[in-house]
Amino acid sequence: MNPRLHSAQDADTLQVDVAISYSSITPGCACEADPTPMSELPEFATLRIRIRRDTAEATLRVLDN
């Protein structure tokens, strides 16, 4: 799978939209004798990364999925 969804550039910036997959952890209540085990949940997000050419400053924004 190609995680790059879209890219664009101009004289000042580079921009790329990427898809990332990761696992989050949902713990129980952390109480003594808690019967709820920790579980991993598959997650997905789309990010827009913009990089300024003159300073290499990068910004990331989460896009609506």
Protein backbone atom coordinates (compact mmCIF):
# COMPACT_ATOMS: atom_id res chain seq x y z
CA MET A 1 0.00 0.00 0.00
CA ASN A 2 1.29 3.44 -0.90
CA PRO A 3 0.75 5.67 2.15
CA ARG A 4 1.09 8.86 0.07
CA LEU A 5 -2.37 9.98 -1.00
CA HIS A 6 -1.60 13.35 -2.55
CA SER A 7 1.37 15.64 -3.02
CA ALA A 8 1.86 19.19 -4.24
CA GLN A 9 4.62 21.76 -4.30
CA ASP A 10 5.24 25.37 -5.15
CA ALA A 11 8.15 27.76 -4.77
CA ASP A 12 7.64 28.07 -1.01
CA THR A 13 6.30 24.74 0.27
CA LEU A 14 6.11 21.01 -0.17
CA GLN A 15 2.85 19.35 0.84
CA VAL A 16 1.95 15.68 1.14
CA ASP A 17 -1.12 13.88 2.47
CA VAL A 18 -0.27 10.52 4.03
CA ALA A 19 -2.25 7.66 5.53
CA ILE A 20 -0.98 6.08 8.73
CA SER A 21 -2.09 2.97 10.56
CA TYR A 22 -1.26 2.33 14.19
CA SER A 23 -2.53 0.53 17.28
CA SER A 24 -3.82 2.34 20.34
CA ILE A 25 -4.06 0.78 23.77
CA THR A 26 -7.20 0.96 25.87
CA PRO A 27 -6.38 0.08 29.46
CA GLY A 28 -8.82 -1.10 32.08
CA CYS A 29 -9.56 1.17 35.01
CA ALA A 30 -6.17 0.27 36.61
CA CYS A 31 -7.91 -0.69 39.83
CA GLU A 32 -6.66 -3.58 41.90
CA ALA A 33 -8.20 -6.85 40.68
CA ASP A 34 -9.59 -5.12 37.57
CA PRO A 35 -10.86 -7.92 35.29
CA THR A 36 -10.68 -5.71 32.19
CA PRO A 37 -7.49 -6.49 30.26
CA MET A 38 -5.64 -3.93 28.19
CA SER A 39 -6.54 -4.25 24.53
CA GLU A 40 -5.04 -2.96 21.30
CA LEU A 41 -7.32 -1.27 18.79
CA PRO A 42 -6.39 -0.71 15.14
CA GLU A 43 -6.51 2.98 14.24
CA PHE A 44 -6.17 4.96 11.01
CA ALA A 45 -5.54 8.64 10.31
CA THR A 46 -4.81 10.88 7.35
CA LEU A 47 -2.23 13.64 7.89
CA ARG A 48 -1.26 16.65 5.80
CA ILE A 49 2.41 17.53 6.13
CA ARG A 50 3.58 20.94 4.89
CA ILE A 51 7.28 21.82 4.80
CA ARG A 52 8.54 25.34 4.19
CA ARG A 53 11.46 25.28 1.78
CA ASP A 54 13.31 28.25 3.30
CA THR A 55 13.30 27.09 6.94
CA ALA A 56 12.44 23.36 6.74
CA GLU A 57 9.71 24.08 9.31
CA ALA A 58 7.07 21.36 9.14
CA THR A 59 3.45 21.45 10.19
CA LEU A 60 1.16 18.45 10.53
CA ARG A 61 -2.62 18.54 10.40
CA VAL A 62 -5.03 15.67 10.95
CA LEU A 63 -7.54 15.51 8.10
CA ASP A 64 -11.11 14.25 8.41
CA ASN A 65 -11.43 10.63 7.32
